[in-house]
Amino acid sequence: MCALMLAALLSAPAAETLETLLARGPVVSVEADAQGTFEAAVAIVDVEAPLEAAWAVVSDFARYREFVPRVVASEVRALPDGPRVTWEIDSPGMNTRYTVQYALDAAAHAIEGRQVSGDLAGSRWRWEPWSVAPERTCIRYVSKARNFSRVLSALEDDAQTITAGLNAGAAVTLLRALKKRCEPAGTSGGPGPRAAPSR
């Protein structure tokens, strides 16, 4: 479905604008529900790397702390229903700590994550990388992070503008980091050879 969506976008009259935006980095859309309240931040990034190389980086949560800004720790426990990751994110005041249960579908190249304990109660995330050419992959990332802190909740408006901004900003930061990690040196200033999955 994502490949069809991208194909439709790229064949639309504004395709040149979308291509130009994707060439510069992630493109993000903030979606609202019927009441105008924040629903999700949906971001796409174009990566110069084969699908399997991008999938290896996206699904290797243990290494996110090596290249994603503000990730202090990502401790992975292998469980029968998928990896369970305890995250610590560098945050003003007190760090954000939460645990996410992931469901990985390697055949479909899709990851679903849901918060199961700690901060960000009720949050959900989704990754969908797909191939658009032998050496080119798009990564779609959906962030539905919520309940950041009591302080931010007290300042929040009816449209959840603060929540929307934090989701959009985090999505852009994450996808920029994934793009840089996936791409070989010289393509987007990446660190060199593509990261291999941890064993």
Protein backbone atom coordinates (compact mmCIF):
# COMPACT_ATOMS: atom_id res chain seq x y z
CA MET A 1 0.00 0.00 0.00
CA CYS A 2 2.83 2.42 0.83
CA ALA A 3 4.45 1.78 -2.56
CA LEU A 4 1.13 2.56 -4.24
CA MET A 5 0.76 5.74 -2.18
CA LEU A 6 4.24 6.90 -3.11
CA ALA A 7 3.68 6.05 -6.79
CA ALA A 8 0.46 8.09 -6.76
CA LEU A 9 2.22 11.01 -5.11
CA LEU A 10 5.14 10.86 -7.51
CA SER A 11 2.83 10.80 -10.55
CA ALA A 12 0.75 13.75 -9.32
CA PRO A 13 1.27 17.27 -10.74
CA ALA A 14 3.20 18.30 -7.61
CA ALA A 15 5.56 15.31 -7.95
CA GLU A 16 8.60 17.48 -8.68
CA THR A 17 8.04 19.35 -5.41
CA LEU A 18 7.76 16.11 -3.44
CA GLU A 19 10.89 14.72 -5.09
CA THR A 20 12.73 17.94 -4.25
CA LEU A 21 11.61 17.77 -0.63
CA LEU A 22 12.57 14.09 -0.28
CA ALA A 23 15.97 14.85 -1.80
CA ARG A 24 16.59 17.27 1.10
CA GLY A 25 15.48 14.93 3.87
CA PRO A 26 12.38 13.65 5.65
CA VAL A 27 8.92 14.93 4.75
CA VAL A 28 6.44 14.93 7.65
CA SER A 29 2.68 15.33 7.84
CA VAL A 30 0.76 15.91 11.07
CA GLU A 31 -2.63 14.19 11.04
CA ALA A 32 -5.63 15.06 13.22
CA ASP A 33 -8.74 13.10 14.12
CA ALA A 34 -12.33 14.21 13.43
CA GLN A 35 -12.24 16.51 16.49
CA GLY A 36 -9.07 18.26 15.29
CA THR A 37 -6.93 16.61 17.97
CA PHE A 38 -3.49 15.22 17.17
CA GLU A 39 -3.63 11.69 15.76
CA ALA A 40 -0.16 10.96 14.35
CA ALA A 41 2.97 12.34 12.75
CA VAL A 42 3.64 10.49 9.49
CA ALA A 43 7.10 10.93 7.99
CA ILE A 44 8.85 9.55 4.91
CA VAL A 45 12.53 9.59 4.01
CA ASP A 46 14.29 8.48 0.83
CA VAL A 47 17.43 6.40 1.47
CA GLU A 48 20.16 5.45 -1.00
CA ALA A 49 20.45 1.85 0.19
CA PRO A 50 18.90 -1.52 -0.69
CA LEU A 51 15.79 -2.57 1.23
CA GLU A 52 17.51 -5.33 3.22
CA ALA A 53 20.30 -2.99 4.33
CA ALA A 54 17.76 -0.38 5.45
CA TRP A 55 15.66 -3.04 7.21
CA ALA A 56 18.73 -4.28 9.11
CA VAL A 57 19.36 -0.77 10.46
CA VAL A 58 15.70 0.09 11.20
CA SER A 59 15.09 -3.15 13.12
CA ASP A 60 18.34 -3.13 15.13
CA PHE A 61 17.07 -1.23 18.17
CA ALA A 62 20.10 -2.11 20.31
CA ARG A 63 22.26 0.15 18.14
CA TYR A 64 19.99 3.21 18.03
CA ARG A 65 21.97 4.76 20.89
CA GLU A 66 25.02 4.79 18.58
CA PHE A 67 23.51 7.15 16.01
CA VAL A 68 20.12 8.60 17.07
CA PRO A 69 20.45 11.91 18.97
CA ARG A 70 19.30 11.93 22.60
CA VAL A 71 18.99 8.13 22.87
CA VAL A 72 20.88 7.32 26.07
CA ALA A 73 20.01 3.61 26.25
CA SER A 74 18.08 0.97 24.33
CA GLU A 75 18.12 -2.34 26.18
CA VAL A 76 16.64 -5.20 24.14
CA ARG A 77 15.08 -8.37 25.55
CA ALA A 78 14.19 -11.09 23.05
CA LEU A 79 10.69 -12.42 23.76
CA PRO A 80 8.60 -14.98 21.83
CA ASP A 81 6.26 -12.27 20.48
CA GLY A 82 9.10 -9.92 19.48
CA PRO A 83 11.76 -7.71 21.02
CA ARG A 84 10.92 -5.67 24.11
CA VAL A 85 13.04 -2.54 24.33
CA THR A 86 13.55 -0.28 27.33
CA TRP A 87 14.44 3.19 26.11
CA GLU A 88 16.00 6.12 27.92
CA ILE A 89 15.83 9.46 26.13
CA ASP A 90 17.79 12.53 27.21
CA SER A 91 15.07 15.02 28.18
CA PRO A 92 15.12 18.38 29.97
CA GLY A 93 14.81 17.96 33.73
CA MET A 94 14.38 14.20 33.99
CA ASN A 95 15.12 11.65 31.28
CA THR A 96 12.20 9.87 29.63
CA ARG A 97 12.17 6.10 30.32
CA TYR A 98 9.68 3.69 28.79
CA THR A 99 9.42 0.14 27.47
CA VAL A 100 8.02 -0.80 24.07
CA GLN A 101 6.87 -4.19 22.83
CA TYR A 102 7.62 -4.59 19.12
CA ALA A 103 6.10 -6.92 16.54
CA LEU A 104 8.40 -7.42 13.55
CA ASP A 105 7.12 -8.77 10.25
CA ALA A 106 10.33 -9.43 8.31
CA ALA A 107 8.48 -10.68 5.22
CA ALA A 108 6.39 -7.50 4.95
CA HIS A 109 9.19 -5.28 6.30
CA ALA A 110 6.93 -3.73 8.94
CA ILE A 111 7.37 -3.02 12.64
CA GLU A 112 4.62 -2.15 15.13
CA GLY A 113 5.52 -0.84 18.57
CA ARG A 114 3.35 -0.16 21.62
CA GLN A 115 4.33 1.30 24.99
CA VAL A 116 3.92 -1.29 27.76
CA SER A 117 5.42 0.47 30.80
CA GLY A 118 7.05 3.65 32.03
CA ASP A 119 6.57 7.08 30.48
CA LEU A 120 4.58 7.88 27.30
CA ALA A 121 1.53 5.81 28.31
CA GLY A 122 -0.64 4.80 25.37
CA SER A 123 1.98 5.58 22.71
CA ARG A 124 2.38 3.62 19.44
CA TRP A 125 4.84 3.62 16.54
CA ARG A 126 5.17 1.99 13.11
CA TRP A 127 8.01 1.61 10.57
CA GLU A 128 7.50 0.55 6.94
CA PRO A 129 10.55 0.51 4.67
CA TRP A 130 9.91 -0.47 1.04
CA SER A 131 12.03 -0.71 -2.08
CA VAL A 132 11.61 1.87 -4.86
CA ALA A 133 14.71 0.75 -6.80
CA PRO A 134 17.49 -1.84 -6.31
CA GLU A 135 19.63 0.67 -4.37
CA ARG A 136 16.87 2.94 -3.08
CA THR A 137 14.46 2.52 -0.16
CA CYS A 138 11.76 4.71 1.33
CA ILE A 139 11.07 4.50 5.04
CA ARG A 140 7.65 5.51 6.34
CA TYR A 141 7.48 6.18 10.07
CA VAL A 142 4.29 6.80 12.06
CA SER A 143 4.60 8.28 15.55
CA LYS A 144 1.70 8.42 18.00
CA ALA A 145 3.66 9.32 21.12
CA ARG A 146 1.59 10.76 23.98
CA ASN A 147 1.70 11.82 27.63
CA PHE A 148 5.20 13.30 27.60
CA SER A 149 5.08 14.84 31.08
CA ARG A 150 2.73 16.46 33.58
CA VAL A 151 4.27 19.84 32.87
CA LEU A 152 3.68 19.60 29.12
CA SER A 153 0.18 18.17 29.66
CA ALA A 154 -0.70 21.21 31.77
CA LEU A 155 0.39 23.51 28.91
CA GLU A 156 -1.34 21.51 26.17
CA ASP A 157 -4.22 22.99 24.15
CA ASP A 158 -7.29 21.22 22.75
CA ALA A 159 -5.55 20.44 19.44
CA GLN A 160 -2.55 18.97 21.32
CA THR A 161 -0.16 21.33 19.55
CA ILE A 162 2.77 20.50 21.85
CA THR A 163 2.27 16.76 21.34
CA ALA A 164 2.07 17.27 17.57
CA GLY A 165 5.27 19.33 17.55
CA LEU A 166 7.20 16.82 19.65
CA ASN A 167 6.08 13.91 17.43
CA ALA A 168 6.96 15.75 14.22
CA GLY A 169 10.34 16.87 15.54
CA ALA A 170 11.21 13.40 16.83
CA ALA A 171 10.17 11.81 13.52
CA VAL A 172 12.42 14.14 11.51
CA THR A 173 15.36 13.58 13.89
CA LEU A 174 14.96 9.79 13.79
CA LEU A 175 14.60 9.54 10.01
CA ARG A 176 17.60 11.84 9.39
CA ALA A 177 19.66 9.61 11.67
CA LEU A 178 18.43 6.43 9.96
CA LYS A 179 19.18 7.89 6.52
CA LYS A 180 22.72 8.81 7.53
CA ARG A 181 23.28 5.39 9.12
CA CYS A 182 21.94 3.45 6.10
CA GLU A 183 23.77 5.31 3.35
CA PRO A 184 27.38 4.64 2.39
CA ALA A 185 29.95 7.41 2.84
CA GLY A 186 29.67 10.13 0.23
CA THR A 187 25.96 9.66 -0.41
CA SER A 188 24.62 11.81 2.44
CA GLY A 189 27.64 12.17 4.67
CA GLY A 190 27.05 8.74 6.21
CA PRO A 191 29.57 7.08 8.52
CA GLY A 192 30.95 4.64 5.96
CA PRO A 193 29.89 1.05 5.30
CA ARG A 194 26.28 0.26 6.03
CA ALA A 195 25.64 -0.86 9.56
CA ALA A 196 25.24 -4.60 9.98
CA PRO A 197 22.69 -5.98 12.41
CA SER A 198 24.01 -6.80 15.87
CA ARG A 199 24.33 -10.49 16.68
